[in-house]
Amino acid sequence: MKKLVCTTSPKEHDADKEAQEFENFNKFVDNKIQKKWLKKPIL
């Protein structure tokens, strides 16, 4: 993954931001699930 500074179009930047937010959301959900199902192994 290469990071481009000031050369990405606004559209690409928005997509990047959305991808990052989606990733953060997934991590948040994973943490929630892991805490809830701590006694169950996650396969």
PDB file of N, CA and C in Angstrom:
ATOM      1  N   MET A   1       0.829  -1.197   0.000  1.00  0.00           N
ATOM      2  CA  MET A   1       0.000   0.000   0.000  1.00  0.00           C
ATOM      3  C   MET A   1       0.861   1.243   0.000  1.00  0.00           C
ATOM      4  N   LYS A   2       0.665   2.072  -0.991  1.00  0.00           N
ATOM      5  CA  LYS A   2       1.456   3.298  -1.043  1.00  0.00           C
ATOM      6  C   LYS A   2       0.603   4.488  -0.630  1.00  0.00           C
ATOM      7  N   LYS A   3       1.224   5.375   0.112  1.00  0.00           N
ATOM      8  CA  LYS A   3       0.528   6.574   0.563  1.00  0.00           C
ATOM      9  C   LYS A   3       0.949   7.742  -0.316  1.00  0.00           C
ATOM     10  N   LEU A   4      -0.045   8.367  -0.940  1.00  0.00           N
ATOM     11  CA  LEU A   4       0.244   9.541  -1.757  1.00  0.00           C
ATOM     12  C   LEU A   4      -0.272  10.760  -1.015  1.00  0.00           C
ATOM     13  N   VAL A   5       0.574  11.771  -0.927  1.00  0.00           N
ATOM     14  CA  VAL A   5       0.176  12.977  -0.211  1.00  0.00           C
ATOM     15  C   VAL A   5      -0.040  14.104  -1.210  1.00  0.00           C
ATOM     16  N   CYS A   6      -1.207  14.709  -1.167  1.00  0.00           N
ATOM     17  CA  CYS A   6      -1.554  15.863  -2.002  1.00  0.00           C
ATOM     18  C   CYS A   6      -1.614  15.532  -3.495  1.00  0.00           C
ATOM     19  N   THR A   7      -1.565  14.257  -3.857  1.00  0.00           N
ATOM     20  CA  THR A   7      -1.621  13.923  -5.280  1.00  0.00           C
ATOM     21  C   THR A   7      -2.862  13.101  -5.599  1.00  0.00           C
ATOM     22  N   THR A   8      -3.551  12.624  -4.547  1.00  0.00           N
ATOM     23  CA  THR A   8      -4.759  11.852  -4.794  1.00  0.00           C
ATOM     24  C   THR A   8      -5.914  12.800  -5.067  1.00  0.00           C
ATOM     25  N   SER A   9      -6.801  12.371  -5.938  1.00  0.00           N
ATOM     26  CA  SER A   9      -7.981  13.178  -6.218  1.00  0.00           C
ATOM     27  C   SER A   9      -8.897  13.141  -4.999  1.00  0.00           C
ATOM     28  N   PRO A  10      -9.772  14.130  -4.858  1.00  0.00           N
ATOM     29  CA  PRO A  10     -10.699  14.139  -3.719  1.00  0.00           C
ATOM     30  C   PRO A  10     -11.511  12.848  -3.636  1.00  0.00           C
ATOM     31  N   LYS A  11     -11.873  12.313  -4.798  1.00  0.00           N
ATOM     32  CA  LYS A  11     -12.664  11.077  -4.821  1.00  0.00           C
ATOM     33  C   LYS A  11     -11.866   9.934  -4.202  1.00  0.00           C
ATOM     34  N   GLU A  12     -10.611   9.812  -4.599  1.00  0.00           N
ATOM     35  CA  GLU A  12      -9.758   8.747  -4.056  1.00  0.00           C
ATOM     36  C   GLU A  12      -9.568   8.945  -2.557  1.00  0.00           C
ATOM     37  N   HIS A  13      -9.411  10.207  -2.171  1.00  0.00           N
ATOM     38  CA  HIS A  13      -9.217  10.512  -0.753  1.00  0.00           C
ATOM     39  C   HIS A  13     -10.456  10.101   0.042  1.00  0.00           C
ATOM     40  N   ASP A  14     -11.637  10.404  -0.488  1.00  0.00           N
ATOM     41  CA  ASP A  14     -12.884  10.036   0.188  1.00  0.00           C
ATOM     42  C   ASP A  14     -12.989   8.525   0.323  1.00  0.00           C
ATOM     43  N   ALA A  15     -12.657   7.822  -0.742  1.00  0.00           N
ATOM     44  CA  ALA A  15     -12.730   6.360  -0.718  1.00  0.00           C
ATOM     45  C   ALA A  15     -11.761   5.817   0.329  1.00  0.00           C
ATOM     46  N   ASP A  16     -10.588   6.428   0.396  1.00  0.00           N
ATOM     47  CA  ASP A  16      -9.576   6.035   1.375  1.00  0.00           C
ATOM     48  C   ASP A  16     -10.118   6.228   2.790  1.00  0.00           C
ATOM     49  N   LYS A  17     -10.759   7.391   2.992  1.00  0.00           N
ATOM     50  CA  LYS A  17     -11.298   7.720   4.304  1.00  0.00           C
ATOM     51  C   LYS A  17     -12.401   6.730   4.675  1.00  0.00           C
ATOM     52  N   GLU A  18     -13.254   6.428   3.706  1.00  0.00           N
ATOM     53  CA  GLU A  18     -14.345   5.479   3.945  1.00  0.00           C
ATOM     54  C   GLU A  18     -13.788   4.107   4.291  1.00  0.00           C
ATOM     55  N   ALA A  19     -12.762   3.689   3.564  1.00  0.00           N
ATOM     56  CA  ALA A  19     -12.143   2.385   3.820  1.00  0.00           C
ATOM     57  C   ALA A  19     -11.576   2.352   5.237  1.00  0.00           C
ATOM     58  N   GLN A  20     -10.944   3.443   5.636  1.00  0.00           N
ATOM     59  CA  GLN A  20     -10.354   3.527   6.971  1.00  0.00           C
ATOM     60  C   GLN A  20     -11.447   3.459   8.035  1.00  0.00           C
ATOM     61  N   GLU A  21     -12.536   4.208   7.807  1.00  0.00           N
ATOM     62  CA  GLU A  21     -13.635   4.212   8.774  1.00  0.00           C
ATOM     63  C   GLU A  21     -14.270   2.831   8.862  1.00  0.00           C
ATOM     64  N   PHE A  22     -14.393   2.176   7.701  1.00  0.00           N
ATOM     65  CA  PHE A  22     -14.970   0.831   7.656  1.00  0.00           C
ATOM     66  C   PHE A  22     -14.102  -0.140   8.449  1.00  0.00           C
ATOM     67  N   GLU A  23     -12.794   0.000   8.280  1.00  0.00           N
ATOM     68  CA  GLU A  23     -11.842  -0.851   8.999  1.00  0.00           C
ATOM     69  C   GLU A  23     -11.964  -0.622  10.505  1.00  0.00           C
ATOM     70  N   ASN A  24     -12.045   0.657  10.888  1.00  0.00           N
ATOM     71  CA  ASN A  24     -12.181   0.986  12.305  1.00  0.00           C
ATOM     72  C   ASN A  24     -13.473   0.412  12.868  1.00  0.00           C
ATOM     73  N   PHE A  25     -14.543   0.515  12.077  1.00  0.00           N
ATOM     74  CA  PHE A  25     -15.838  -0.013  12.501  1.00  0.00           C
ATOM     75  C   PHE A  25     -15.756  -1.525  12.686  1.00  0.00           C
ATOM     76  N   ASN A  26     -15.090  -2.199  11.753  1.00  0.00           N
ATOM     77  CA  ASN A  26     -14.935  -3.654  11.846  1.00  0.00           C
ATOM     78  C   ASN A  26     -14.164  -4.041  13.103  1.00  0.00           C
ATOM     79  N   LYS A  27     -13.109  -3.285  13.407  1.00  0.00           N
ATOM     80  CA  LYS A  27     -12.323  -3.562  14.609  1.00  0.00           C
ATOM     81  C   LYS A  27     -13.191  -3.376  15.849  1.00  0.00           C
ATOM     82  N   PHE A  28     -13.988  -2.307  15.833  1.00  0.00           N
ATOM     83  CA  PHE A  28     -14.879  -2.009  16.950  1.00  0.00           C
ATOM     84  C   PHE A  28     -15.871  -3.156  17.155  1.00  0.00           C
ATOM     85  N   VAL A  29     -16.464  -3.624  16.056  1.00  0.00           N
ATOM     86  CA  VAL A  29     -17.426  -4.727  16.116  1.00  0.00           C
ATOM     87  C   VAL A  29     -16.738  -6.002  16.595  1.00  0.00           C
ATOM     88  N   ASP A  30     -15.543  -6.257  16.073  1.00  0.00           N
ATOM     89  CA  ASP A  30     -14.779  -7.439  16.493  1.00  0.00           C
ATOM     90  C   ASP A  30     -14.539  -7.413  18.000  1.00  0.00           C
ATOM     91  N   ASN A  31     -14.151  -6.250  18.512  1.00  0.00           N
ATOM     92  CA  ASN A  31     -13.893  -6.127  19.946  1.00  0.00           C
ATOM     93  C   ASN A  31     -15.159  -6.401  20.745  1.00  0.00           C
ATOM     94  N   LYS A  32     -16.266  -5.850  20.275  1.00  0.00           N
ATOM     95  CA  LYS A  32     -17.555  -6.061  20.946  1.00  0.00           C
ATOM     96  C   LYS A  32     -17.885  -7.551  20.992  1.00  0.00           C
ATOM     97  N   ILE A  33     -17.747  -8.201  19.845  1.00  0.00           N
ATOM     98  CA  ILE A  33     -18.081  -9.629  19.737  1.00  0.00           C
ATOM     99  C   ILE A  33     -17.151 -10.455  20.618  1.00  0.00           C
ATOM    100  N   GLN A  34     -15.870 -10.125  20.598  1.00  0.00           N
ATOM    101  CA  GLN A  34     -14.901 -10.883  21.392  1.00  0.00           C
ATOM    102  C   GLN A  34     -15.207 -10.751  22.879  1.00  0.00           C
ATOM    103  N   LYS A  35     -15.613  -9.551  23.305  1.00  0.00           N
ATOM    104  CA  LYS A  35     -15.941  -9.364  24.720  1.00  0.00           C
ATOM    105  C   LYS A  35     -17.200 -10.142  25.075  1.00  0.00           C
ATOM    106  N   LYS A  36     -18.160 -10.129  24.146  1.00  0.00           N
ATOM    107  CA  LYS A  36     -19.434 -10.801  24.400  1.00  0.00           C
ATOM    108  C   LYS A  36     -19.257 -12.314  24.426  1.00  0.00           C
ATOM    109  N   TRP A  37     -18.456 -12.812  23.504  1.00  0.00           N
ATOM    110  CA  TRP A  37     -18.281 -14.265  23.375  1.00  0.00           C
ATOM    111  C   TRP A  37     -16.900 -14.700  23.863  1.00  0.00           C
ATOM    112  N   LEU A  38     -16.415 -14.050  24.900  1.00  0.00           N
ATOM    113  CA  LEU A  38     -15.065 -14.306  25.389  1.00  0.00           C
ATOM    114  C   LEU A  38     -14.850 -15.783  25.726  1.00  0.00           C
ATOM    115  N   LYS A  39     -15.887 -16.442  26.230  1.00  0.00           N
ATOM    116  CA  LYS A  39     -15.743 -17.844  26.633  1.00  0.00           C
ATOM    117  C   LYS A  39     -15.777 -18.793  25.445  1.00  0.00           C
ATOM    118  N   LYS A  40     -16.262 -18.301  24.310  1.00  0.00           N
ATOM    119  CA  LYS A  40     -16.301 -19.138  23.104  1.00  0.00           C
ATOM    120  C   LYS A  40     -15.076 -18.850  22.255  1.00  0.00           C
ATOM    121  N   PRO A  41     -14.431 -19.877  21.712  1.00  0.00           N
ATOM    122  CA  PRO A  41     -13.320 -19.624  20.791  1.00  0.00           C
ATOM    123  C   PRO A  41     -13.857 -19.076  19.477  1.00  0.00           C
ATOM    124  N   ILE A  42     -13.189 -18.090  18.939  1.00  0.00           N
ATOM    125  CA  ILE A  42     -13.606 -17.533  17.656  1.00  0.00           C
ATOM    126  C   ILE A  42     -12.858 -18.259  16.555  1.00  0.00           C
ATOM    127  N   LEU A  43     -13.588 -18.919  15.709  1.00  0.00           N
ATOM    128  CA  LEU A  43     -12.977 -19.727  14.651  1.00  0.00           C
ATOM    129  C   LEU A  43     -12.961 -18.964  13.353  1.00  0.00           C
TER     130      LEU A  43
END
